Amino acid sequence: MLRDESQRAGMSGDTAVTNGGESAPGCGAGSLPDWLPYLAIALGTAATCAVNAFSTSHDLARYGRAVPFWQPFLWEASSGVVILALAPLVRRLVLVSLAKPPGPAALIALHAVAALAFSALHVAGMILLRKLGYWIAGAGGYSFGLSPGNLLYELRKDVLVYLLLAGLFWLAELWARRPMPHRIAPDTTPVASGFWLRDGTINLRLEPAEVVAVVSAGNYVEYCLGGGKRHLIRATLQAEEERLRPLGFARIHRTRLVNAARIRRIAGRPSGDFDVEMDTGESFIGSRRYREGLAALTP
């Protein structure tokens, strides 16, 4: 669930603008990390497999059909491993359906077909793993018994598992996309109407409204102005953020700030990242870890 980015710094007067995107390695405040649903699935699957294996072993022994202790655990573990392997595919399908929501009938048909495919892959995968396990243990061949009754039995369970996985990913994505509260109190300290930049041997005074974005370029930062001009100064983006935040600038990515007053449109992405379109027509990709800070400066 994980993007590369490239950027080129231009000297003063350049008209090129660079933007890129990055998926947050962790998560922003109030967001769920991408690995958390998978951890919940892994723990739930492991617990279910352990309980089922003990129960199966006990039931077989009670009816006089005792088998080596490792076999029920192999049966359950093979099923659990395949479910974990298929979970990312279920999440991808959920993200696709959220990005371009189909109608109710199409949505039901989509997930019905996906559940059938999930069951087919699950059965095929666990049979292969069980045959491999029996071969390694020298216990002879494993026979699943591909009868309509057995397949229907597995299909009923697999549909339920598929719906649980899809529901978990859907809830996690809705939580990540929920509106963020405005938790940052506005700074009421009076500030000057402009600020100074040292561009080479020239000192420039800029008005905040002139600046569209500020982009990190190694040991430099590049000021992108509305008229297409660029000013490159030696500084860190963190230092520039501290003095520009009171002027209405927000960090949307670890490599860039934008002037919140010049934002025209903000559009979310399935991954939780977002696109920021400025009033100049330029677009920048923001990382979801900075979405909350931007929300504090926008309606």
C-alpha atoms as a PDB file:
ATOM      1  CA  MET A   1       0.000   0.000   0.000  1.00  0.00           C
ATOM      2  CA  LEU A   2       2.825   1.777  -0.634  1.00  0.00           C
ATOM      3  CA  ARG A   3       5.491   6.407  -4.458  1.00  0.00           C
ATOM      4  CA  ASP A   4       8.489   7.836  -5.758  1.00  0.00           C
ATOM      5  CA  GLU A   5       8.868  11.445  -6.436  1.00  0.00           C
ATOM      6  CA  SER A   6      11.248  13.565  -8.431  1.00  0.00           C
ATOM      7  CA  GLN A   7      11.631  17.291  -8.400  1.00  0.00           C
ATOM      8  CA  ARG A   8      13.849  19.866 -10.059  1.00  0.00           C
ATOM      9  CA  ALA A   9      14.684  23.206  -8.538  1.00  0.00           C
ATOM     10  CA  GLY A  10      14.642  26.190 -10.872  1.00  0.00           C
ATOM     11  CA  MET A  11      16.657  29.391 -10.446  1.00  0.00           C
ATOM     12  CA  SER A  12      15.039  32.839 -10.230  1.00  0.00           C
ATOM     13  CA  GLY A  13      12.900  33.538 -13.278  1.00  0.00           C
ATOM     14  CA  ASP A  14      12.292  29.906 -14.280  1.00  0.00           C
ATOM     15  CA  THR A  15       8.764  29.098 -15.345  1.00  0.00           C
ATOM     16  CA  ALA A  16       8.848  25.362 -14.681  1.00  0.00           C
ATOM     17  CA  VAL A  17       7.038  23.975 -11.682  1.00  0.00           C
ATOM     18  CA  THR A  18       7.562  20.547 -10.192  1.00  0.00           C
ATOM     19  CA  ASN A  19       5.238  18.467  -8.094  1.00  0.00           C
ATOM     20  CA  GLY A  20       5.053  14.852  -6.968  1.00  0.00           C
ATOM     21  CA  GLY A  21       3.374  12.633  -4.468  1.00  0.00           C
ATOM     22  CA  GLU A  22       4.215  10.407  -1.594  1.00  0.00           C
ATOM     23  CA  SER A  23       2.254   7.955   0.476  1.00  0.00           C
ATOM     24  CA  ALA A  24       2.691   8.573   4.156  1.00  0.00           C
ATOM     25  CA  PRO A  25       4.910   5.945   5.765  1.00  0.00           C
ATOM     26  CA  GLY A  26       2.866   6.092   8.949  1.00  0.00           C
ATOM     27  CA  CYS A  27      -0.333   8.001   9.498  1.00  0.00           C
ATOM     28  CA  GLY A  28      -1.460  11.480  10.350  1.00  0.00           C
ATOM     29  CA  ALA A  29      -3.150  12.399  13.595  1.00  0.00           C
ATOM     30  CA  GLY A  30      -6.531  10.689  13.727  1.00  0.00           C
ATOM     31  CA  SER A  31      -5.806   8.448  10.711  1.00  0.00           C
ATOM     32  CA  LEU A  32      -5.438   4.690  10.746  1.00  0.00           C
ATOM     33  CA  PRO A  33      -2.116   3.234   9.574  1.00  0.00           C
ATOM     34  CA  ASP A  34      -2.489   1.047   6.479  1.00  0.00           C
ATOM     35  CA  TRP A  35      -1.181  -2.025   8.287  1.00  0.00           C
ATOM     36  CA  LEU A  36      -3.704  -1.907  11.145  1.00  0.00           C
ATOM     37  CA  PRO A  37      -6.575  -3.676   9.308  1.00  0.00           C
ATOM     38  CA  TYR A  38      -4.135  -6.384   8.220  1.00  0.00           C
ATOM     39  CA  LEU A  39      -2.961  -6.834  11.805  1.00  0.00           C
ATOM     40  CA  ALA A  40      -6.573  -7.207  12.948  1.00  0.00           C
ATOM     41  CA  ILE A  41      -7.208  -9.756  10.187  1.00  0.00           C
ATOM     42  CA  ALA A  42      -4.041 -11.707  11.048  1.00  0.00           C
ATOM     43  CA  LEU A  43      -4.857 -11.851  14.764  1.00  0.00           C
ATOM     44  CA  GLY A  44      -8.479 -12.783  14.162  1.00  0.00           C
ATOM     45  CA  THR A  45      -7.534 -15.450  11.622  1.00  0.00           C
ATOM     46  CA  ALA A  46      -4.866 -16.941  13.899  1.00  0.00           C
ATOM     47  CA  ALA A  47      -7.273 -17.115  16.855  1.00  0.00           C
ATOM     48  CA  THR A  48     -10.048 -18.665  14.750  1.00  0.00           C
ATOM     49  CA  CYS A  49      -7.711 -21.237  13.211  1.00  0.00           C
ATOM     50  CA  ALA A  50      -6.358 -22.262  16.623  1.00  0.00           C
ATOM     51  CA  VAL A  51      -9.845 -22.692  18.113  1.00  0.00           C
ATOM     52  CA  ASN A  52     -11.084 -24.617  15.063  1.00  0.00           C
ATOM     53  CA  ALA A  53      -8.044 -26.906  15.072  1.00  0.00           C
ATOM     54  CA  PHE A  54      -8.478 -27.817  18.746  1.00  0.00           C
ATOM     55  CA  SER A  55     -12.217 -28.308  18.254  1.00  0.00           C
ATOM     56  CA  THR A  56     -11.743 -30.517  15.182  1.00  0.00           C
ATOM     57  CA  SER A  57      -9.108 -32.639  16.913  1.00  0.00           C
ATOM     58  CA  HIS A  58     -11.356 -33.070  19.944  1.00  0.00           C
ATOM     59  CA  ASP A  59     -14.456 -33.928  17.888  1.00  0.00           C
ATOM     60  CA  LEU A  60     -12.625 -36.521  15.791  1.00  0.00           C
ATOM     61  CA  ALA A  61     -11.208 -38.181  18.895  1.00  0.00           C
ATOM     62  CA  ARG A  62     -14.656 -38.237  20.521  1.00  0.00           C
ATOM     63  CA  TYR A  63     -16.110 -40.076  17.532  1.00  0.00           C
ATOM     64  CA  GLY A  64     -13.241 -42.568  17.376  1.00  0.00           C
ATOM     65  CA  ARG A  65     -11.564 -41.013  14.340  1.00  0.00           C
ATOM     66  CA  ALA A  66      -8.475 -39.590  16.011  1.00  0.00           C
ATOM     67  CA  VAL A  67      -5.802 -38.216  13.666  1.00  0.00           C
ATOM     68  CA  PRO A  68      -2.272 -36.952  14.322  1.00  0.00           C
ATOM     69  CA  PHE A  69      -2.428 -33.631  16.169  1.00  0.00           C
ATOM     70  CA  TRP A  70      -0.653 -31.723  13.379  1.00  0.00           C
ATOM     71  CA  GLN A  71      -3.260 -32.502  10.719  1.00  0.00           C
ATOM     72  CA  PRO A  72      -6.137 -30.310  12.037  1.00  0.00           C
ATOM     73  CA  PHE A  73      -3.636 -27.496  12.493  1.00  0.00           C
ATOM     74  CA  LEU A  74      -2.425 -27.919   8.918  1.00  0.00           C
ATOM     75  CA  TRP A  75      -6.006 -27.861   7.661  1.00  0.00           C
ATOM     76  CA  GLU A  76      -6.787 -24.631   9.493  1.00  0.00           C
ATOM     77  CA  ALA A  77      -3.410 -22.948   8.916  1.00  0.00           C
ATOM     78  CA  SER A  78      -3.563 -23.579   5.158  1.00  0.00           C
ATOM     79  CA  SER A  79      -6.964 -21.888   5.061  1.00  0.00           C
ATOM     80  CA  GLY A  80      -5.781 -18.944   7.164  1.00  0.00           C
ATOM     81  CA  VAL A  81      -2.635 -18.357   5.083  1.00  0.00           C
ATOM     82  CA  VAL A  82      -4.646 -18.182   1.852  1.00  0.00           C
ATOM     83  CA  ILE A  83      -7.157 -15.768   3.414  1.00  0.00           C
ATOM     84  CA  LEU A  84      -4.318 -13.455   4.479  1.00  0.00           C
ATOM     85  CA  ALA A  85      -2.809 -13.658   0.985  1.00  0.00           C
ATOM     86  CA  LEU A  86      -6.148 -12.689  -0.601  1.00  0.00           C
ATOM     87  CA  ALA A  87      -6.863  -9.796   1.804  1.00  0.00           C
ATOM     88  CA  PRO A  88      -4.905  -7.154  -0.230  1.00  0.00           C
ATOM     89  CA  LEU A  89      -6.972  -8.046  -3.314  1.00  0.00           C
ATOM     90  CA  VAL A  90     -10.187  -7.505  -1.352  1.00  0.00           C
ATOM     91  CA  ARG A  91      -8.897  -4.132  -0.124  1.00  0.00           C
ATOM     92  CA  ARG A  92      -7.991  -3.084  -3.679  1.00  0.00           C
ATOM     93  CA  LEU A  93     -11.499  -3.943  -4.869  1.00  0.00           C
ATOM     94  CA  VAL A  94     -13.011  -1.900  -2.026  1.00  0.00           C
ATOM     95  CA  LEU A  95     -10.818   1.110  -2.903  1.00  0.00           C
ATOM     96  CA  VAL A  96     -11.762   0.859  -6.586  1.00  0.00           C
ATOM     97  CA  SER A  97     -15.473   0.709  -5.782  1.00  0.00           C
ATOM     98  CA  LEU A  98     -15.132   3.735  -3.475  1.00  0.00           C
ATOM     99  CA  ALA A  99     -13.179   5.732  -6.066  1.00  0.00           C
ATOM    100  CA  LYS A 100     -15.847   5.223  -8.757  1.00  0.00           C
ATOM    101  CA  PRO A 101     -18.987   4.068  -6.925  1.00  0.00           C
ATOM    102  CA  PRO A 102     -21.205   1.927  -9.201  1.00  0.00           C
ATOM    103  CA  GLY A 103     -24.972   1.756  -8.844  1.00  0.00           C
ATOM    104  CA  PRO A 104     -26.478  -0.560  -6.197  1.00  0.00           C
ATOM    105  CA  ALA A 105     -27.163  -3.379  -8.682  1.00  0.00           C
ATOM    106  CA  ALA A 106     -23.682  -3.142 -10.199  1.00  0.00           C
ATOM    107  CA  LEU A 107     -22.115  -3.016  -6.721  1.00  0.00           C
ATOM    108  CA  ILE A 108     -23.946  -6.190  -5.634  1.00  0.00           C
ATOM    109  CA  ALA A 109     -22.991  -7.958  -8.873  1.00  0.00           C
ATOM    110  CA  LEU A 110     -19.352  -6.858  -8.509  1.00  0.00           C
ATOM    111  CA  HIS A 111     -18.989  -8.209  -4.998  1.00  0.00           C
ATOM    112  CA  ALA A 112     -20.971 -11.370  -5.792  1.00  0.00           C
ATOM    113  CA  VAL A 113     -18.524 -12.236  -8.578  1.00  0.00           C
ATOM    114  CA  ALA A 114     -15.595 -11.245  -6.340  1.00  0.00           C
ATOM    115  CA  ALA A 115     -16.880 -13.506  -3.532  1.00  0.00           C
ATOM    116  CA  LEU A 116     -17.113 -16.458  -5.936  1.00  0.00           C
ATOM    117  CA  ALA A 117     -13.572 -15.801  -7.162  1.00  0.00           C
ATOM    118  CA  PHE A 118     -12.392 -15.434  -3.563  1.00  0.00           C
ATOM    119  CA  SER A 119     -13.882 -18.826  -2.668  1.00  0.00           C
ATOM    120  CA  ALA A 120     -12.366 -20.535  -5.726  1.00  0.00           C
ATOM    121  CA  LEU A 121      -8.894 -19.159  -4.962  1.00  0.00           C
ATOM    122  CA  HIS A 122      -9.251 -19.979  -1.278  1.00  0.00           C
ATOM    123  CA  VAL A 123     -10.184 -23.614  -1.916  1.00  0.00           C
ATOM    124  CA  ALA A 124      -7.505 -24.106  -4.564  1.00  0.00           C
ATOM    125  CA  GLY A 125      -4.829 -22.495  -2.412  1.00  0.00           C
ATOM    126  CA  MET A 126      -5.552 -24.410   0.768  1.00  0.00           C
ATOM    127  CA  ILE A 127      -5.709 -27.743  -1.101  1.00  0.00           C
ATOM    128  CA  LEU A 128      -2.273 -27.106  -2.583  1.00  0.00           C
ATOM    129  CA  LEU A 129      -0.839 -26.161   0.815  1.00  0.00           C
ATOM    130  CA  ARG A 130      -2.354 -29.232   2.472  1.00  0.00           C
ATOM    131  CA  LYS A 131      -0.980 -31.552  -0.214  1.00  0.00           C
ATOM    132  CA  LEU A 132       2.419 -29.933   0.240  1.00  0.00           C
ATOM    133  CA  GLY A 133       2.186 -30.356   4.021  1.00  0.00           C
ATOM    134  CA  TYR A 134       1.260 -34.040   3.761  1.00  0.00           C
ATOM    135  CA  TRP A 135       4.097 -34.617   1.317  1.00  0.00           C
ATOM    136  CA  ILE A 136       6.633 -32.945   3.628  1.00  0.00           C
ATOM    137  CA  ALA A 137       5.347 -34.955   6.586  1.00  0.00           C
ATOM    138  CA  GLY A 138       5.467 -38.193   4.577  1.00  0.00           C
ATOM    139  CA  ALA A 139       1.828 -38.855   5.460  1.00  0.00           C
ATOM    140  CA  GLY A 140       0.704 -39.883   1.991  1.00  0.00           C
ATOM    141  CA  GLY A 141      -1.653 -37.961  -0.240  1.00  0.00           C
ATOM    142  CA  TYR A 142      -4.282 -35.499   0.913  1.00  0.00           C
ATOM    143  CA  SER A 143      -7.788 -35.793  -0.531  1.00  0.00           C
ATOM    144  CA  PHE A 144     -10.194 -32.882  -0.200  1.00  0.00           C
ATOM    145  CA  GLY A 145     -13.139 -34.459  -1.972  1.00  0.00           C
ATOM    146  CA  LEU A 146     -14.277 -32.009  -4.635  1.00  0.00           C
ATOM    147  CA  SER A 147     -17.969 -32.791  -4.373  1.00  0.00           C
ATOM    148  CA  PRO A 148     -20.767 -30.226  -4.830  1.00  0.00           C
ATOM    149  CA  GLY A 149     -21.607 -30.595  -1.151  1.00  0.00           C
ATOM    150  CA  ASN A 150     -18.049 -29.815  -0.012  1.00  0.00           C
ATOM    151  CA  LEU A 151     -17.725 -26.899  -2.413  1.00  0.00           C
ATOM    152  CA  LEU A 152     -21.062 -25.439  -1.259  1.00  0.00           C
ATOM    153  CA  TYR A 153     -19.948 -25.858   2.367  1.00  0.00           C
ATOM    154  CA  GLU A 154     -16.754 -23.918   1.669  1.00  0.00           C
ATOM    155  CA  LEU A 155     -18.606 -21.300  -0.402  1.00  0.00           C
ATOM    156  CA  ARG A 156     -20.937 -20.449   2.505  1.00  0.00           C
ATOM    157  CA  LYS A 157     -17.989 -19.844   4.801  1.00  0.00           C
ATOM    158  CA  ASP A 158     -15.977 -17.986   2.166  1.00  0.00           C
ATOM    159  CA  VAL A 159     -18.803 -15.564   1.374  1.00  0.00           C
ATOM    160  CA  LEU A 160     -19.019 -14.662   5.057  1.00  0.00           C
ATOM    161  CA  VAL A 161     -15.224 -14.220   5.297  1.00  0.00           C
ATOM    162  CA  TYR A 162     -15.197 -12.080   2.137  1.00  0.00           C
ATOM    163  CA  LEU A 163     -17.966  -9.830   3.491  1.00  0.00           C
ATOM    164  CA  LEU A 164     -16.128  -9.442   6.808  1.00  0.00           C
ATOM    165  CA  LEU A 165     -12.878  -8.486   5.047  1.00  0.00           C
ATOM    166  CA  ALA A 166     -14.591  -6.068   2.655  1.00  0.00           C
ATOM    167  CA  GLY A 167     -16.554  -4.514   5.533  1.00  0.00           C
ATOM    168  CA  LEU A 168     -13.411  -4.047   7.621  1.00  0.00           C
ATOM    169  CA  PHE A 169     -11.531  -2.340   4.783  1.00  0.00           C
ATOM    170  CA  TRP A 170     -14.577  -0.211   3.937  1.00  0.00           C
ATOM    171  CA  LEU A 171     -14.912   1.015   7.537  1.00  0.00           C
ATOM    172  CA  ALA A 172     -11.167   1.714   7.776  1.00  0.00           C
ATOM    173  CA  GLU A 173     -11.289   3.764   4.561  1.00  0.00           C
ATOM    174  CA  LEU A 174     -14.352   5.725   5.702  1.00  0.00           C
ATOM    175  CA  TRP A 175     -12.562   6.501   8.965  1.00  0.00           C
ATOM    176  CA  ALA A 176      -9.489   7.715   7.074  1.00  0.00           C
ATOM    177  CA  ARG A 177     -11.651   9.963   4.871  1.00  0.00           C
ATOM    178  CA  ARG A 178     -13.795  11.449   7.626  1.00  0.00           C
ATOM    179  CA  PRO A 179     -13.832  15.268   7.869  1.00  0.00           C
ATOM    180  CA  MET A 180     -11.081  16.551  10.119  1.00  0.00           C
ATOM    181  CA  PRO A 181     -12.032  19.017  12.900  1.00  0.00           C
ATOM    182  CA  HIS A 182     -10.392  22.424  13.019  1.00  0.00           C
ATOM    183  CA  ARG A 183      -8.156  21.825  15.985  1.00  0.00           C
ATOM    184  CA  ILE A 184      -5.535  24.497  15.363  1.00  0.00           C
ATOM    185  CA  ALA A 185      -6.490  27.799  16.929  1.00  0.00           C
ATOM    186  CA  PRO A 186      -5.912  30.794  14.678  1.00  0.00           C
ATOM    187  CA  ASP A 187      -2.865  32.897  15.459  1.00  0.00           C
ATOM    188  CA  THR A 188      -4.111  36.360  16.426  1.00  0.00           C
ATOM    189  CA  THR A 189      -0.627  37.872  16.751  1.00  0.00           C
ATOM    190  CA  PRO A 190      -0.330  40.913  14.457  1.00  0.00           C
ATOM    191  CA  VAL A 191       2.107  40.285  11.617  1.00  0.00           C
ATOM    192  CA  ALA A 192       3.636  42.465   8.970  1.00  0.00           C
ATOM    193  CA  SER A 193       1.976  42.550   5.572  1.00  0.00           C
ATOM    194  CA  GLY A 194       5.054  41.193   3.813  1.00  0.00           C
ATOM    195  CA  PHE A 195       8.335  39.389   4.388  1.00  0.00           C
ATOM    196  CA  TRP A 196      11.891  39.458   3.046  1.00  0.00           C
ATOM    197  CA  LEU A 197      13.749  36.941   0.874  1.00  0.00           C
ATOM    198  CA  ARG A 198      17.425  36.942   0.043  1.00  0.00           C
ATOM    199  CA  ASP A 199      17.730  35.713  -3.570  1.00  0.00           C
ATOM    200  CA  GLY A 200      21.459  35.557  -4.247  1.00  0.00           C
ATOM    201  CA  THR A 201      22.775  39.088  -3.717  1.00  0.00           C
ATOM    202  CA  ILE A 202      19.296  40.629  -3.884  1.00  0.00           C
ATOM    203  CA  ASN A 203      16.916  41.198  -0.989  1.00  0.00           C
ATOM    204  CA  LEU A 204      13.263  40.966  -2.046  1.00  0.00           C
ATOM    205  CA  ARG A 205      10.163  41.930  -0.167  1.00  0.00           C
ATOM    206  CA  LEU A 206       7.163  39.763  -1.058  1.00  0.00           C
ATOM    207  CA  GLU A 207       3.520  39.972  -0.158  1.00  0.00           C
ATOM    208  CA  PRO A 208       2.034  36.631   0.983  1.00  0.00           C
ATOM    209  CA  ALA A 209      -0.629  36.823  -1.725  1.00  0.00           C
ATOM    210  CA  GLU A 210       2.092  36.696  -4.419  1.00  0.00           C
ATOM    211  CA  VAL A 211       3.296  33.253  -3.342  1.00  0.00           C
ATOM    212  CA  VAL A 212       1.545  30.133  -4.621  1.00  0.00           C
ATOM    213  CA  ALA A 213       3.751  27.449  -3.081  1.00  0.00           C
ATOM    214  CA  VAL A 214       7.119  26.853  -1.447  1.00  0.00           C
ATOM    215  CA  VAL A 215       8.967  23.689  -2.502  1.00  0.00           C
ATOM    216  CA  SER A 216      11.955  22.007  -0.882  1.00  0.00           C
ATOM    217  CA  ALA A 217      14.997  21.551  -3.144  1.00  0.00           C
ATOM    218  CA  GLY A 218      17.737  19.893  -1.101  1.00  0.00           C
ATOM    219  CA  ASN A 219      19.473  22.575   0.973  1.00  0.00           C
ATOM    220  CA  TYR A 220      17.341  25.217  -0.733  1.00  0.00           C
ATOM    221  CA  VAL A 221      13.690  26.139  -0.988  1.00  0.00           C
ATOM    222  CA  GLU A 222      12.018  27.487  -4.093  1.00  0.00           C
ATOM    223  CA  TYR A 223       9.333  30.171  -3.873  1.00  0.00           C
ATOM    224  CA  CYS A 224       6.779  29.737  -6.679  1.00  0.00           C
ATOM    225  CA  LEU A 225       4.984  33.005  -7.468  1.00  0.00           C
ATOM    226  CA  GLY A 226       1.723  33.571  -9.254  1.00  0.00           C
ATOM    227  CA  GLY A 227       3.325  35.236 -12.243  1.00  0.00           C
ATOM    228  CA  GLY A 228       5.433  32.179 -13.014  1.00  0.00           C
ATOM    229  CA  LYS A 229       8.593  33.527 -11.358  1.00  0.00           C
ATOM    230  CA  ARG A 230      10.745  31.400  -9.089  1.00  0.00           C
ATOM    231  CA  HIS A 231      13.069  32.497  -6.299  1.00  0.00           C
ATOM    232  CA  LEU A 232      15.566  30.016  -4.874  1.00  0.00           C
ATOM    233  CA  ILE A 233      16.981  30.722  -1.412  1.00  0.00           C
ATOM    234  CA  ARG A 234      19.240  28.752   0.888  1.00  0.00           C
ATOM    235  CA  ALA A 235      17.019  27.628   3.775  1.00  0.00           C
ATOM    236  CA  THR A 236      15.117  24.647   5.128  1.00  0.00           C
ATOM    237  CA  LEU A 237      11.450  24.081   4.499  1.00  0.00           C
ATOM    238  CA  GLN A 238      10.877  23.711   8.236  1.00  0.00           C
ATOM    239  CA  ALA A 239      12.302  27.165   8.934  1.00  0.00           C
ATOM    240  CA  GLU A 240      10.212  28.713   6.149  1.00  0.00           C
ATOM    241  CA  GLU A 241       7.118  26.927   7.428  1.00  0.00           C
ATOM    242  CA  GLU A 242       7.552  28.467  10.884  1.00  0.00           C
ATOM    243  CA  ARG A 243       7.551  32.010   9.557  1.00  0.00           C
ATOM    244  CA  LEU A 244       4.914  31.432   6.856  1.00  0.00           C
ATOM    245  CA  ARG A 245       2.345  29.525   8.915  1.00  0.00           C
ATOM    246  CA  PRO A 246       0.984  32.727  10.543  1.00  0.00           C
ATOM    247  CA  LEU A 247       0.575  34.137   7.012  1.00  0.00           C
ATOM    248  CA  GLY A 248      -1.833  31.381   5.979  1.00  0.00           C
ATOM    249  CA  PHE A 249       0.538  28.790   4.513  1.00  0.00           C
ATOM    250  CA  ALA A 250       0.056  25.062   5.181  1.00  0.00           C
ATOM    251  CA  ARG A 251       2.314  22.084   4.673  1.00  0.00           C
ATOM    252  CA  ILE A 252       0.623  19.482   2.456  1.00  0.00           C
ATOM    253  CA  HIS A 253       3.659  17.265   1.937  1.00  0.00           C
ATOM    254  CA  ARG A 254       7.082  16.830   3.481  1.00  0.00           C
ATOM    255  CA  THR A 255       8.539  18.762   0.508  1.00  0.00           C
ATOM    256  CA  ARG A 256       6.055  21.603  -0.010  1.00  0.00           C
ATOM    257  CA  LEU A 257       3.885  24.334   1.451  1.00  0.00           C
ATOM    258  CA  VAL A 258       0.949  26.021  -0.270  1.00  0.00           C
ATOM    259  CA  ASN A 259      -0.795  29.349   0.207  1.00  0.00           C
ATOM    260  CA  ALA A 260      -4.212  28.345   1.574  1.00  0.00           C
ATOM    261  CA  ALA A 261      -5.746  31.591   0.291  1.00  0.00           C
ATOM    262  CA  ARG A 262      -4.920  30.567  -3.304  1.00  0.00           C
ATOM    263  CA  ILE A 263      -6.397  27.063  -3.198  1.00  0.00           C
ATOM    264  CA  ARG A 264      -9.183  26.565  -5.723  1.00  0.00           C
ATOM    265  CA  ARG A 265     -10.047  22.906  -5.174  1.00  0.00           C
ATOM    266  CA  ILE A 266      -9.070  19.944  -2.965  1.00  0.00           C
ATOM    267  CA  ALA A 267      -9.857  16.424  -4.227  1.00  0.00           C
ATOM    268  CA  GLY A 268      -9.309  13.260  -2.214  1.00  0.00           C
ATOM    269  CA  ARG A 269      -7.671  10.096  -3.545  1.00  0.00           C
ATOM    270  CA  PRO A 270      -8.532   6.453  -2.682  1.00  0.00           C
ATOM    271  CA  SER A 271      -5.197   6.127  -0.861  1.00  0.00           C
ATOM    272  CA  GLY A 272      -6.062   8.998   1.488  1.00  0.00           C
ATOM    273  CA  ASP A 273      -3.716  11.433  -0.276  1.00  0.00           C
ATOM    274  CA  PHE A 274      -5.262  14.431  -2.023  1.00  0.00           C
ATOM    275  CA  ASP A 275      -4.809  16.816  -4.974  1.00  0.00           C
ATOM    276  CA  VAL A 276      -4.610  20.564  -4.355  1.00  0.00           C
ATOM    277  CA  GLU A 277      -5.423  22.799  -7.332  1.00  0.00           C
ATOM    278  CA  MET A 278      -4.274  26.416  -7.038  1.00  0.00           C
ATOM    279  CA  ASP A 279      -5.869  29.485  -8.613  1.00  0.00           C
ATOM    280  CA  THR A 280      -3.030  29.500 -11.183  1.00  0.00           C
ATOM    281  CA  GLY A 281      -4.085  26.082 -12.481  1.00  0.00           C
ATOM    282  CA  GLU A 282      -1.080  24.331 -10.949  1.00  0.00           C
ATOM    283  CA  SER A 283      -1.767  21.128  -9.026  1.00  0.00           C
ATOM    284  CA  PHE A 284       0.151  19.646  -6.127  1.00  0.00           C
ATOM    285  CA  ILE A 285      -0.260  16.245  -4.507  1.00  0.00           C
ATOM    286  CA  GLY A 286      -0.630  16.299  -0.744  1.00  0.00           C
ATOM    287  CA  SER A 287       0.131  13.494   1.674  1.00  0.00           C
ATOM    288  CA  ARG A 288      -2.668  12.453   3.998  1.00  0.00           C
ATOM    289  CA  ARG A 289      -0.453  12.866   7.073  1.00  0.00           C
ATOM    290  CA  TYR A 290      -0.710  16.651   6.548  1.00  0.00           C
ATOM    291  CA  ARG A 291      -4.416  16.784   5.713  1.00  0.00           C
ATOM    292  CA  GLU A 292      -5.462  17.846   9.187  1.00  0.00           C
ATOM    293  CA  GLY A 293      -3.183  20.890   9.178  1.00  0.00           C
ATOM    294  CA  LEU A 294      -4.587  21.977   5.831  1.00  0.00           C
ATOM    295  CA  ALA A 295      -8.158  21.474   7.071  1.00  0.00           C
ATOM    296  CA  ALA A 296      -7.524  24.006   9.832  1.00  0.00           C
ATOM    297  CA  LEU A 297      -6.904  26.729   7.216  1.00  0.00           C
ATOM    298  CA  THR A 298      -9.671  25.834   4.733  1.00  0.00           C
ATOM    299  CA  PRO A 299     -13.476  25.763   5.042  1.00  0.00           C
END
